[in-house]
Amino acid sequence: MRRRARRTPVIWLVSDQRPGHRNQLKGLGNRLRVLSGASTHWVDATQVRTPVWRALLGVAPKLDLPKPDLVIGAGSGTHRLLLALRHKRNVRTLVLMKPSFPLSWVDAAILPEHDQVKPGKRVLLTEGVINNIMPMAKLTTKPEALVLVGGPSKHYEWDNDLVFSQLLQLMQAYPNWRWTVSSTRRTPAELGAQLEELAGPKTTVTNPGRSHEDWLAHTLAAVRAVWVTPDSGSMVYEALTAGIPTGLFELAPKANTRIVRSVEALLSGGRAARWQDHHALMAPPGETGDSRQVVPTLWEADRAARWVLDTLVPGMKP
């Protein structure tokens, strides 16, 4: 008797179109596709009207897509639609990040450790949020550095002058390096203008308006060191996932928040370097210890995808 071919899973990625949430879905979806041959379909939750009664009763709206085996949502803007789909026959639902509704309302959850939820058979805790970065197979030996500048947050006392001063000191201490400096949507306009003035033969300055969706992944592949302001946990974990030696600018914590604790754990655990330790981070490979040999591998999208295949769709594993 001929064996029936194994069917690959159909996965819906429900997005609220916020870049950070979309990045998480893309990272997990890509690994599920690679590991299982899954077909992934994007659903824009902002374009699907989902009244509260549908979410509460689990009554799914009609969508012109192949029937899913798994529906994954990231961001509060996706929760109504995710809950509305939870009673579809033979469909599993998965939420990324801690939702406002009880976790028992969906089949599984993937949450960052700093959300402080107990792990379980249907709850996977990740170190930081999932992202779409892949570890580099080989780190460049060229003196190229990337700087990612965030902005005011509820976790750190933001100081334009302090951040700019630390950046200038780095650039002056390593004049032979090429620098790529990027602001973000949260960077204050005054600091953004100061950063633009740094542009020159050895310094490229950019901002979100001048970069494309895959800019960060492409840029990380070409650098030997990354410096990040600690207010943006997502940027820190993206750099670490790439396997690039990563340093953090010094900013005073506002309070002992979950993000501050997470960043401090990275520093004390040796995953990231403090600003005052920049000499070790910027040292040529082989000098002062090669940081690439001591930073543990961090690829949470891959680990999460394997967990999903074991937990939610085990019959469709490769």
Protein backbone atom coordinates (compact mmCIF):
# COMPACT_ATOMS: atom_id res chain seq x y z
CA MET A 1 0.00 0.00 0.00
CA ARG A 2 1.33 3.42 -0.96
CA ARG A 3 1.97 5.71 2.00
CA ARG A 4 -0.06 8.89 1.94
CA ALA A 5 2.13 11.95 1.53
CA ARG A 6 2.45 14.02 4.68
CA ARG A 7 0.55 17.30 4.37
CA THR A 8 2.49 20.40 5.27
CA PRO A 9 0.84 22.85 7.68
CA VAL A 10 -0.98 25.99 6.65
CA ILE A 11 -0.20 28.88 9.00
CA TRP A 12 -1.87 32.28 9.28
CA LEU A 13 0.25 35.12 10.61
CA VAL A 14 -2.13 37.71 12.05
CA SER A 15 -0.56 41.16 12.20
CA ASP A 16 -1.60 44.58 13.49
CA GLN A 17 1.04 46.03 11.14
CA ARG A 18 3.21 47.40 13.94
CA PRO A 19 6.83 46.83 12.84
CA GLY A 20 7.95 45.11 16.04
CA HIS A 21 5.00 42.71 16.07
CA ARG A 22 5.37 41.98 12.37
CA ASN A 23 9.07 41.25 12.93
CA GLN A 24 8.22 38.61 15.54
CA LEU A 25 5.69 36.93 13.26
CA LYS A 26 8.10 37.00 10.34
CA GLY A 27 10.89 35.44 12.39
CA LEU A 28 8.74 32.60 13.71
CA GLY A 29 6.90 32.09 10.42
CA ASN A 30 10.11 31.85 8.41
CA ARG A 31 11.56 29.19 10.70
CA LEU A 32 8.30 27.17 10.63
CA ARG A 33 8.37 27.32 6.86
CA VAL A 34 11.99 26.16 6.68
CA LEU A 35 11.61 23.39 9.25
CA SER A 36 8.28 21.93 8.13
CA GLY A 37 7.60 23.23 4.62
CA ALA A 38 4.63 25.17 5.99
CA SER A 39 2.83 27.66 3.79
CA THR A 40 2.39 30.97 5.57
CA HIS A 41 -0.32 33.54 4.86
CA TRP A 42 -0.41 37.08 6.24
CA VAL A 43 -3.67 38.43 7.67
CA ASP A 44 -3.98 42.16 8.30
CA ALA A 45 -6.11 42.38 11.45
CA THR A 46 -6.64 46.09 10.88
CA GLN A 47 -8.60 45.26 7.72
CA VAL A 48 -10.83 42.55 9.22
CA ARG A 49 -13.77 43.88 11.20
CA THR A 50 -14.03 41.76 14.34
CA PRO A 51 -16.67 42.89 16.86
CA VAL A 52 -16.27 41.93 20.51
CA TRP A 53 -19.07 39.35 20.32
CA ARG A 54 -17.14 37.36 17.72
CA ALA A 55 -14.07 37.31 19.96
CA LEU A 56 -16.04 36.28 23.05
CA LEU A 57 -18.02 33.55 21.31
CA GLY A 58 -15.25 32.36 19.02
CA VAL A 59 -17.21 33.01 15.84
CA ALA A 60 -14.77 33.35 12.94
CA PRO A 61 -15.26 35.87 10.13
CA LYS A 62 -14.95 34.58 6.59
CA LEU A 63 -11.50 35.02 5.07
CA ASP A 64 -10.55 34.05 1.53
CA LEU A 65 -7.53 31.96 2.50
CA PRO A 66 -6.68 28.24 2.72
CA LYS A 67 -7.99 26.69 5.94
CA PRO A 68 -5.28 27.07 8.59
CA ASP A 69 -3.82 24.47 10.90
CA LEU A 70 -2.29 27.16 13.09
CA VAL A 71 -3.10 30.84 13.62
CA ILE A 72 -0.46 33.06 15.26
CA GLY A 73 -1.18 36.57 16.51
CA ALA A 74 1.19 39.23 17.87
CA GLY A 75 -0.01 42.52 19.37
CA SER A 76 -3.22 43.59 21.08
CA GLY A 77 -4.64 44.70 17.74
CA THR A 78 -4.79 41.05 16.68
CA HIS A 79 -6.44 39.62 19.79
CA ARG A 80 -10.08 39.95 18.74
CA LEU A 81 -9.46 38.17 15.46
CA LEU A 82 -7.27 35.52 17.08
CA LEU A 83 -9.97 34.73 19.65
CA ALA A 84 -12.68 34.72 17.00
CA LEU A 85 -10.74 32.00 15.16
CA ARG A 86 -10.11 29.81 18.18
CA HIS A 87 -13.14 27.54 17.69
CA LYS A 88 -12.51 26.76 14.03
CA ARG A 89 -12.41 22.99 13.57
CA ASN A 90 -8.92 21.47 13.90
CA VAL A 91 -7.28 24.90 14.14
CA ARG A 92 -4.76 25.73 16.87
CA THR A 93 -4.21 29.29 18.09
CA LEU A 94 -0.95 30.76 19.38
CA VAL A 95 -0.34 34.18 20.90
CA LEU A 96 3.02 35.95 21.06
CA MET A 97 3.67 38.20 24.07
CA LYS A 98 1.49 38.37 27.17
CA PRO A 99 -2.14 39.14 26.24
CA SER A 100 -4.80 40.89 28.30
CA PHE A 101 -7.07 37.83 28.12
CA PRO A 102 -6.53 34.51 29.99
CA LEU A 103 -3.96 32.27 28.32
CA SER A 104 -6.43 29.39 28.58
CA TRP A 105 -8.44 31.02 25.78
CA VAL A 106 -5.81 30.02 23.22
CA ASP A 107 -3.95 26.77 22.66
CA ALA A 108 -0.47 28.06 23.41
CA ALA A 109 1.62 31.15 24.10
CA ILE A 110 5.21 32.20 23.49
CA LEU A 111 6.23 34.93 25.94
CA PRO A 112 9.50 36.69 26.80
CA GLU A 113 10.89 35.74 30.20
CA HIS A 114 10.59 39.32 31.43
CA ASP A 115 6.77 39.01 31.28
CA GLN A 116 7.17 36.87 34.41
CA VAL A 117 4.68 34.15 33.50
CA LYS A 118 5.28 30.58 34.65
CA PRO A 119 6.27 28.19 31.85
CA GLY A 120 4.10 25.17 31.16
CA LYS A 121 3.23 22.57 28.57
CA ARG A 122 1.54 25.27 26.50
CA VAL A 123 3.70 28.23 27.47
CA LEU A 124 7.21 28.74 26.12
CA LEU A 125 9.39 31.46 27.62
CA THR A 126 12.00 33.08 25.37
CA GLU A 127 15.02 35.20 26.16
CA GLY A 128 13.78 38.50 24.80
CA VAL A 129 11.21 38.77 22.04
CA ILE A 130 11.46 36.68 18.88
CA ASN A 131 12.95 38.44 15.89
CA ASN A 132 13.67 37.88 12.22
CA ILE A 133 17.48 37.94 12.46
CA MET A 134 19.52 34.83 11.67
CA PRO A 135 22.90 34.12 13.28
CA MET A 136 25.86 35.00 11.08
CA ALA A 137 27.82 32.01 9.80
CA LYS A 138 31.00 34.08 9.90
CA LEU A 139 31.84 37.45 11.37
CA THR A 140 33.66 39.98 9.20
CA THR A 141 37.20 40.92 10.14
CA LYS A 142 36.80 44.44 8.73
CA PRO A 143 36.58 47.29 11.28
CA GLU A 144 32.90 48.07 10.70
CA ALA A 145 30.51 49.07 13.49
CA LEU A 146 26.78 49.71 13.69
CA VAL A 147 25.17 52.11 16.17
CA LEU A 148 21.42 51.89 16.93
CA VAL A 149 20.01 54.88 18.82
CA GLY A 150 16.60 54.66 20.46
CA GLY A 151 14.86 57.31 22.52
CA PRO A 152 12.87 58.15 25.65
CA SER A 153 11.18 55.22 27.37
CA LYS A 154 9.64 54.35 30.70
CA HIS A 155 12.67 52.25 31.59
CA TYR A 156 15.67 54.61 31.32
CA GLU A 157 16.42 58.28 31.96
CA TRP A 158 16.99 59.47 28.41
CA ASP A 159 19.83 61.99 27.96
CA ASN A 160 20.59 63.28 24.43
CA ASP A 161 23.91 64.81 25.47
CA LEU A 162 25.10 61.68 27.26
CA VAL A 163 24.29 59.37 24.35
CA PHE A 164 25.90 61.70 21.81
CA SER A 165 28.98 62.15 24.00
CA GLN A 166 29.48 58.40 24.39
CA LEU A 167 29.10 57.92 20.64
CA LEU A 168 31.65 60.65 19.90
CA GLN A 169 34.11 59.10 22.33
CA LEU A 170 33.78 55.75 20.57
CA MET A 171 34.30 57.25 17.15
CA GLN A 172 37.33 59.23 18.35
CA ALA A 173 38.82 56.19 20.11
CA TYR A 174 38.55 54.08 16.94
CA PRO A 175 39.23 56.45 14.03
CA ASN A 176 40.08 53.62 11.61
CA TRP A 177 36.62 52.07 11.89
CA ARG A 178 33.74 52.67 9.50
CA TRP A 179 30.52 53.59 11.31
CA THR A 180 26.88 53.19 10.37
CA VAL A 181 24.62 55.18 12.71
CA SER A 182 20.84 54.82 12.70
CA SER A 183 18.21 56.69 14.66
CA THR A 184 14.76 55.22 15.30
CA ARG A 185 11.19 56.50 15.44
CA ARG A 186 11.66 57.33 19.12
CA THR A 187 14.87 59.30 18.71
CA PRO A 188 14.31 62.98 19.67
CA ALA A 189 14.51 65.35 16.69
CA GLU A 190 17.34 67.34 18.30
CA LEU A 191 19.52 64.25 18.69
CA GLY A 192 18.56 63.04 15.23
CA ALA A 193 19.86 66.30 13.79
CA GLN A 194 23.14 65.92 15.71
CA LEU A 195 23.56 62.41 14.36
CA GLU A 196 23.03 63.63 10.79
CA GLU A 197 25.96 66.02 11.23
CA LEU A 198 28.27 63.04 11.80
CA ALA A 199 27.93 61.87 8.20
CA GLY A 200 31.26 61.78 6.41
CA PRO A 201 33.69 59.60 4.47
CA LYS A 202 33.78 56.98 7.24
CA THR A 203 30.34 57.50 8.74
CA THR A 204 26.96 56.68 7.22
CA VAL A 205 23.90 58.08 8.99
CA THR A 206 20.39 56.84 8.32
CA ASN A 207 16.90 56.76 9.84
CA PRO A 208 13.75 54.62 9.47
CA GLY A 209 12.50 56.82 6.64
CA ARG A 210 15.56 56.01 4.55
CA SER A 211 15.85 52.27 5.27
CA HIS A 212 13.90 49.24 4.05
CA GLU A 213 12.34 46.37 6.02
CA ASP A 214 15.42 44.12 5.76
CA TRP A 215 17.96 46.91 6.26
CA LEU A 216 18.98 45.79 9.75
CA ALA A 217 19.59 42.16 8.77
CA HIS A 218 21.68 43.23 5.78
CA THR A 219 23.68 45.73 7.84
CA LEU A 220 24.35 43.30 10.69
CA ALA A 221 25.85 40.87 8.19
CA ALA A 222 28.57 43.40 7.35
CA VAL A 223 29.70 44.61 10.81
CA ARG A 224 32.04 43.39 13.54
CA ALA A 225 30.52 45.28 16.48
CA VAL A 226 27.17 46.79 17.43
CA TRP A 227 26.42 49.54 19.95
CA VAL A 228 22.83 49.97 21.14
CA THR A 229 21.05 52.22 23.61
CA PRO A 230 19.51 49.93 26.27
CA ASP A 231 16.00 51.40 26.03
CA SER A 232 15.24 49.20 23.02
CA GLY A 233 15.21 45.56 24.07
CA SER A 234 14.24 44.47 20.56
CA MET A 235 17.33 46.07 18.97
CA VAL A 236 19.59 44.58 21.64
CA TYR A 237 18.25 41.06 21.05
CA GLU A 238 18.42 41.45 17.28
CA ALA A 239 22.13 42.26 17.52
CA LEU A 240 22.73 39.36 19.91
CA THR A 241 20.82 36.94 17.68
CA ALA A 242 23.06 37.86 14.77
CA GLY A 243 25.99 36.78 16.94
CA ILE A 244 27.69 40.18 16.69
CA PRO A 245 29.67 41.41 19.72
CA THR A 246 27.23 43.90 21.26
CA GLY A 247 27.82 46.81 23.60
CA LEU A 248 25.29 48.99 25.42
CA PHE A 249 25.45 52.71 26.01
CA GLU A 250 25.20 53.84 29.64
CA LEU A 251 21.83 55.26 30.73
CA ALA A 252 20.46 55.50 34.26
CA PRO A 253 17.47 53.22 34.94
CA LYS A 254 14.25 54.97 35.95
CA ALA A 255 13.13 52.01 38.06
CA ASN A 256 13.72 48.32 38.49
CA THR A 257 11.45 47.41 35.57
CA ARG A 258 11.35 44.07 33.78
CA ILE A 259 13.26 45.54 30.81
CA VAL A 260 15.95 46.98 33.08
CA ARG A 261 16.31 43.60 34.81
CA SER A 262 16.51 41.86 31.46
CA VAL A 263 19.26 44.19 30.23
CA GLU A 264 21.20 43.83 33.48
CA ALA A 265 21.01 40.04 33.14
CA LEU A 266 22.51 40.31 29.65
CA LEU A 267 25.37 42.42 30.99
CA SER A 268 26.08 40.30 34.06
CA GLY A 269 25.82 37.10 32.00
CA GLY A 270 28.36 38.28 29.46
CA ARG A 271 25.98 38.38 26.50
CA ALA A 272 26.48 42.14 26.12
CA ALA A 273 29.26 44.55 27.14
CA ARG A 274 29.08 47.75 29.16
CA TRP A 275 30.17 50.98 27.51
CA GLN A 276 33.25 51.31 29.74
CA ASP A 277 34.41 47.87 28.49
CA HIS A 278 34.52 49.01 24.86
CA HIS A 279 38.24 48.21 24.50
CA ALA A 280 37.57 44.48 24.87
CA LEU A 281 34.57 44.58 22.54
CA MET A 282 36.37 46.51 19.79
CA ALA A 283 39.62 44.56 19.99
CA PRO A 284 40.67 42.75 16.81
CA PRO A 285 39.74 39.04 16.71
CA GLY A 286 42.14 37.04 18.84
CA GLU A 287 43.16 39.97 21.03
CA THR A 288 41.93 40.35 24.64
CA GLY A 289 39.95 37.15 24.11
CA ASP A 290 37.68 36.71 21.13
CA SER A 291 34.17 37.69 22.26
CA ARG A 292 32.70 35.49 19.55
CA GLN A 293 33.86 32.46 21.51
CA VAL A 294 32.21 33.44 24.78
CA VAL A 295 28.82 34.80 23.70
CA PRO A 296 26.30 31.93 23.88
CA THR A 297 24.19 31.23 20.81
CA LEU A 298 20.83 32.98 20.89
CA TRP A 299 18.31 32.07 18.19
CA GLU A 300 14.91 32.13 19.84
CA ALA A 301 12.88 32.09 16.61
CA ASP A 302 14.38 28.70 15.75
CA ARG A 303 13.90 27.31 19.24
CA ALA A 304 10.30 28.57 19.31
CA ALA A 305 9.52 27.10 15.90
CA ARG A 306 10.77 23.68 16.96
CA TRP A 307 8.67 23.91 20.13
CA VAL A 308 5.58 24.83 18.07
CA LEU A 309 6.07 21.82 15.82
CA ASP A 310 6.47 19.54 18.84
CA THR A 311 3.58 21.05 20.80
CA LEU A 312 0.92 22.18 18.34
CA VAL A 313 1.43 20.41 15.01
CA PRO A 314 3.53 17.31 15.82
CA GLY A 315 1.98 15.29 12.98
CA MET A 316 3.46 17.70 10.45
CA LYS A 317 7.07 17.68 11.60
CA PRO A 318 9.68 16.83 8.98
